[in-house]
PDB file of N, CA and C in Angstrom:
ATOM      1  N   MET A   1      -6.864  -4.499  -2.450  1.00  0.00           N
ATOM      2  CA  MET A   1      -6.595  -3.132  -2.223  1.00  0.00           C
ATOM      3  C   MET A   1      -5.280  -2.838  -3.072  1.00  0.00           C
ATOM      4  N   PHE A   2      -5.356  -1.661  -3.734  1.00  0.00           N
ATOM      5  CA  PHE A   2      -4.228  -1.223  -4.537  1.00  0.00           C
ATOM      6  C   PHE A   2      -3.933   0.205  -4.198  1.00  0.00           C
ATOM      7  N   ASP A   3      -2.765   0.478  -3.793  1.00  0.00           N
ATOM      8  CA  ASP A   3      -2.390   1.919  -3.422  1.00  0.00           C
ATOM      9  C   ASP A   3      -1.127   2.208  -4.188  1.00  0.00           C
ATOM     10  N   VAL A   4      -1.086   3.544  -4.596  1.00  0.00           N
ATOM     11  CA  VAL A   4       0.012   4.081  -5.332  1.00  0.00           C
ATOM     12  C   VAL A   4       0.511   5.347  -4.699  1.00  0.00           C
ATOM     13  N   PHE A   5       1.874   5.421  -4.582  1.00  0.00           N
ATOM     14  CA  PHE A   5       2.555   6.540  -3.859  1.00  0.00           C
ATOM     15  C   PHE A   5       3.607   7.057  -4.664  1.00  0.00           C
ATOM     16  N   SER A   6       3.840   8.500  -4.527  1.00  0.00           N
ATOM     17  CA  SER A   6       4.852   9.188  -5.307  1.00  0.00           C
ATOM     18  C   SER A   6       6.257   8.789  -4.969  1.00  0.00           C
ATOM     19  N   ASP A   7       6.468   8.327  -3.701  1.00  0.00           N
ATOM     20  CA  ASP A   7       7.804   7.922  -3.367  1.00  0.00           C
ATOM     21  C   ASP A   7       7.747   7.049  -2.152  1.00  0.00           C
ATOM     22  N   ASP A   8       8.943   6.429  -1.752  1.00  0.00           N
ATOM     23  CA  ASP A   8       8.962   5.501  -0.644  1.00  0.00           C
ATOM     24  C   ASP A   8       8.559   6.171   0.621  1.00  0.00           C
ATOM     25  N   THR A   9       8.839   7.515   0.851  1.00  0.00           N
ATOM     26  CA  THR A   9       8.518   8.169   2.123  1.00  0.00           C
ATOM     27  C   THR A   9       7.044   8.142   2.280  1.00  0.00           C
ATOM     28  N   ALA A  10       6.346   8.536   1.195  1.00  0.00           N
ATOM     29  CA  ALA A  10       4.864   8.611   1.282  1.00  0.00           C
ATOM     30  C   ALA A  10       4.220   7.269   1.500  1.00  0.00           C
ATOM     31  N   ARG A  11       4.704   6.147   0.899  1.00  0.00           N
ATOM     32  CA  ARG A  11       4.356   4.763   1.163  1.00  0.00           C
ATOM     33  C   ARG A  11       4.518   4.497   2.672  1.00  0.00           C
ATOM     34  N   ASP A  12       5.743   4.627   3.148  1.00  0.00           N
ATOM     35  CA  ASP A  12       6.022   4.293   4.512  1.00  0.00           C
ATOM     36  C   ASP A  12       5.088   5.031   5.453  1.00  0.00           C
ATOM     37  N   ALA A  13       4.952   6.359   5.199  1.00  0.00           N
ATOM     38  CA  ALA A  13       4.051   7.191   6.103  1.00  0.00           C
ATOM     39  C   ALA A  13       2.564   6.566   6.030  1.00  0.00           C
ATOM     40  N   HIS A  14       2.088   6.073   4.919  1.00  0.00           N
ATOM     41  CA  HIS A  14       0.760   5.477   4.874  1.00  0.00           C
ATOM     42  C   HIS A  14       0.719   4.178   5.638  1.00  0.00           C
ATOM     43  N   LEU A  15       1.709   3.339   5.514  1.00  0.00           N
ATOM     44  CA  LEU A  15       1.740   1.989   6.107  1.00  0.00           C
ATOM     45  C   LEU A  15       1.837   2.285   7.683  1.00  0.00           C
ATOM     46  N   ALA A  16       2.486   3.274   8.141  1.00  0.00           N
ATOM     47  CA  ALA A  16       2.736   3.447   9.567  1.00  0.00           C
ATOM     48  C   ALA A  16       1.443   4.264  10.166  1.00  0.00           C
ATOM     49  N   GLY A  17       0.548   4.826   9.283  1.00  0.00           N
ATOM     50  CA  GLY A  17      -0.485   5.629   9.775  1.00  0.00           C
ATOM     51  C   GLY A  17      -1.678   4.879  10.386  1.00  0.00           C
ATOM     52  N   GLY A  18      -2.740   5.405  10.688  1.00  0.00           N
ATOM     53  CA  GLY A  18      -3.860   4.832  11.361  1.00  0.00           C
ATOM     54  C   GLY A  18      -4.564   3.702  10.698  1.00  0.00           C
ATOM     55  N   VAL A  19      -4.640   3.919   9.315  1.00  0.00           N
ATOM     56  CA  VAL A  19      -5.294   2.831   8.541  1.00  0.00           C
ATOM     57  C   VAL A  19      -4.468   1.582   8.440  1.00  0.00           C
ATOM     58  N   GLY A  20      -3.237   1.781   8.175  1.00  0.00           N
ATOM     59  CA  GLY A  20      -2.237   0.601   8.102  1.00  0.00           C
ATOM     60  C   GLY A  20      -2.219  -0.088   9.492  1.00  0.00           C
ATOM     61  N   GLN A  21      -2.203   0.581  10.569  1.00  0.00           N
ATOM     62  CA  GLN A  21      -2.214   0.035  11.862  1.00  0.00           C
ATOM     63  C   GLN A  21      -3.437  -0.747  12.120  1.00  0.00           C
ATOM     64  N   ALA A  22      -4.591  -0.113  11.866  1.00  0.00           N
ATOM     65  CA  ALA A  22      -5.883  -0.778  12.059  1.00  0.00           C
ATOM     66  C   ALA A  22      -6.105  -2.009  11.248  1.00  0.00           C
ATOM     67  N   LEU A  23      -5.633  -2.029  10.023  1.00  0.00           N
ATOM     68  CA  LEU A  23      -5.672  -3.212   9.179  1.00  0.00           C
ATOM     69  C   LEU A  23      -4.780  -4.313   9.722  1.00  0.00           C
ATOM     70  N   GLY A  24      -3.592  -4.038  10.076  1.00  0.00           N
ATOM     71  CA  GLY A  24      -2.593  -4.906  10.555  1.00  0.00           C
ATOM     72  C   GLY A  24      -3.040  -5.603  11.758  1.00  0.00           C
ATOM     73  N   SER A  25      -3.737  -4.921  12.732  1.00  0.00           N
ATOM     74  CA  SER A  25      -4.303  -5.545  13.849  1.00  0.00           C
ATOM     75  C   SER A  25      -5.488  -6.426  13.688  1.00  0.00           C
ATOM     76  N   ASN A  26      -6.085  -6.284  12.593  1.00  0.00           N
ATOM     77  CA  ASN A  26      -7.247  -7.181  12.164  1.00  0.00           C
ATOM     78  C   ASN A  26      -6.863  -8.334  11.266  1.00  0.00           C
ATOM     79  N   THR A  27      -5.662  -8.592  11.045  1.00  0.00           N
ATOM     80  CA  THR A  27      -5.267  -9.731  10.136  1.00  0.00           C
ATOM     81  C   THR A  27      -5.795 -10.932  10.731  1.00  0.00           C
ATOM     82  N   GLY A  28      -6.387 -11.745   9.827  1.00  0.00           N
ATOM     83  CA  GLY A  28      -7.012 -13.002  10.267  1.00  0.00           C
ATOM     84  C   GLY A  28      -8.479 -12.870  10.677  1.00  0.00           C
ATOM     85  N   VAL A  29      -8.891 -11.640  10.956  1.00  0.00           N
ATOM     86  CA  VAL A  29     -10.359 -11.330  11.245  1.00  0.00           C
ATOM     87  C   VAL A  29     -10.994 -10.922   9.975  1.00  0.00           C
ATOM     88  N   LEU A  30     -10.468  -9.888   9.381  1.00  0.00           N
ATOM     89  CA  LEU A  30     -11.148  -9.371   8.166  1.00  0.00           C
ATOM     90  C   LEU A  30     -10.612 -10.057   6.820  1.00  0.00           C
ATOM     91  N   PHE A  31      -9.364 -10.609   6.917  1.00  0.00           N
ATOM     92  CA  PHE A  31      -8.740 -11.100   5.697  1.00  0.00           C
ATOM     93  C   PHE A  31      -7.578 -11.984   6.135  1.00  0.00           C
ATOM     94  N   SER A  32      -7.001 -12.672   5.173  1.00  0.00           N
ATOM     95  CA  SER A  32      -5.867 -13.441   5.496  1.00  0.00           C
ATOM     96  C   SER A  32      -4.546 -12.537   5.548  1.00  0.00           C
ATOM     97  N   GLU A  33      -3.532 -13.210   5.850  1.00  0.00           N
ATOM     98  CA  GLU A  33      -2.244 -12.438   5.975  1.00  0.00           C
ATOM     99  C   GLU A  33      -1.995 -11.618   4.743  1.00  0.00           C
ATOM    100  N   PRO A  34      -1.778 -10.239   4.853  1.00  0.00           N
ATOM    101  CA  PRO A  34      -1.499  -9.522   3.705  1.00  0.00           C
ATOM    102  C   PRO A  34      -0.168  -9.785   2.996  1.00  0.00           C
ATOM    103  N   SER A  35      -0.103  -9.518   1.739  1.00  0.00           N
ATOM    104  CA  SER A  35       1.074  -9.539   0.965  1.00  0.00           C
ATOM    105  C   SER A  35       1.354  -8.140   0.277  1.00  0.00           C
ATOM    106  N   ILE A  36       2.400  -7.538   0.862  1.00  0.00           N
ATOM    107  CA  ILE A  36       2.750  -6.153   0.358  1.00  0.00           C
ATOM    108  C   ILE A  36       3.791  -6.357  -0.801  1.00  0.00           C
ATOM    109  N   GLU A  37       3.466  -5.922  -1.947  1.00  0.00           N
ATOM    110  CA  GLU A  37       4.486  -6.053  -3.084  1.00  0.00           C
ATOM    111  C   GLU A  37       4.854  -4.658  -3.421  1.00  0.00           C
ATOM    112  N   MET A  38       6.224  -4.382  -3.269  1.00  0.00           N
ATOM    113  CA  MET A  38       6.675  -3.057  -3.546  1.00  0.00           C
ATOM    114  C   MET A  38       7.313  -3.170  -4.967  1.00  0.00           C
ATOM    115  N   ILE A  39       6.636  -2.397  -5.915  1.00  0.00           N
ATOM    116  CA  ILE A  39       7.174  -2.367  -7.264  1.00  0.00           C
ATOM    117  C   ILE A  39       7.475  -0.998  -7.762  1.00  0.00           C
ATOM    118  N   ASP A  40       8.214  -0.866  -8.770  1.00  0.00           N
ATOM    119  CA  ASP A  40       8.539   0.569  -9.505  1.00  0.00           C
ATOM    120  C   ASP A  40       7.828   0.443 -10.788  1.00  0.00           C
ATOM    121  N   VAL A  41       7.159   1.647 -11.070  1.00  0.00           N
ATOM    122  CA  VAL A  41       6.557   1.791 -12.335  1.00  0.00           C
ATOM    123  C   VAL A  41       7.681   2.402 -13.239  1.00  0.00           C
ATOM    124  N   LEU A  42       7.939   1.634 -14.297  1.00  0.00           N
ATOM    125  CA  LEU A  42       9.084   2.125 -15.191  1.00  0.00           C
ATOM    126  C   LEU A  42       8.606   3.005 -16.240  1.00  0.00           C
ATOM    127  N   ALA A  43       7.340   3.070 -16.649  1.00  0.00           N
ATOM    128  CA  ALA A  43       6.768   3.958 -17.659  1.00  0.00           C
ATOM    129  C   ALA A  43       5.299   4.055 -17.575  1.00  0.00           C
ATOM    130  N   ASP A  44       4.802   5.098 -18.056  1.00  0.00           N
ATOM    131  CA  ASP A  44       3.358   5.177 -18.081  1.00  0.00           C
ATOM    132  C   ASP A  44       2.950   6.091 -19.317  1.00  0.00           C
ATOM    133  N   LYS A  45       1.745   5.966 -19.694  1.00  0.00           N
ATOM    134  CA  LYS A  45       1.277   6.772 -20.873  1.00  0.00           C
ATOM    135  C   LYS A  45      -0.108   7.330 -20.573  1.00  0.00           C
ATOM    136  N   LEU A  46      -0.173   8.654 -20.624  1.00  0.00           N
ATOM    137  CA  LEU A  46      -1.460   9.421 -20.450  1.00  0.00           C
ATOM    138  C   LEU A  46      -2.279   9.170 -21.618  1.00  0.00           C
ATOM    139  N   PRO A  47      -3.586   9.181 -21.517  1.00  0.00           N
ATOM    140  CA  PRO A  47      -4.507   9.111 -22.709  1.00  0.00           C
ATOM    141  C   PRO A  47      -4.252  10.348 -23.587  1.00  0.00           C
ATOM    142  N   GLY A  48      -4.198  10.064 -24.851  1.00  0.00           N
ATOM    143  CA  GLY A  48      -3.870  11.137 -25.799  1.00  0.00           C
ATOM    144  C   GLY A  48      -5.068  11.816 -26.175  1.00  0.00           C
TER     145      GLY A  48
END
């Protein structure tokens, strides 16, 4: 799973929301322990 958010507030709201809570309570049932990597995008390039 790969999610992108415009800022930390949006990311935190997503993780605290219903989907994040449901996935967290099923750790070990649906998948192994999740690894959440928080990165910053330093640059991007739109197709020309």
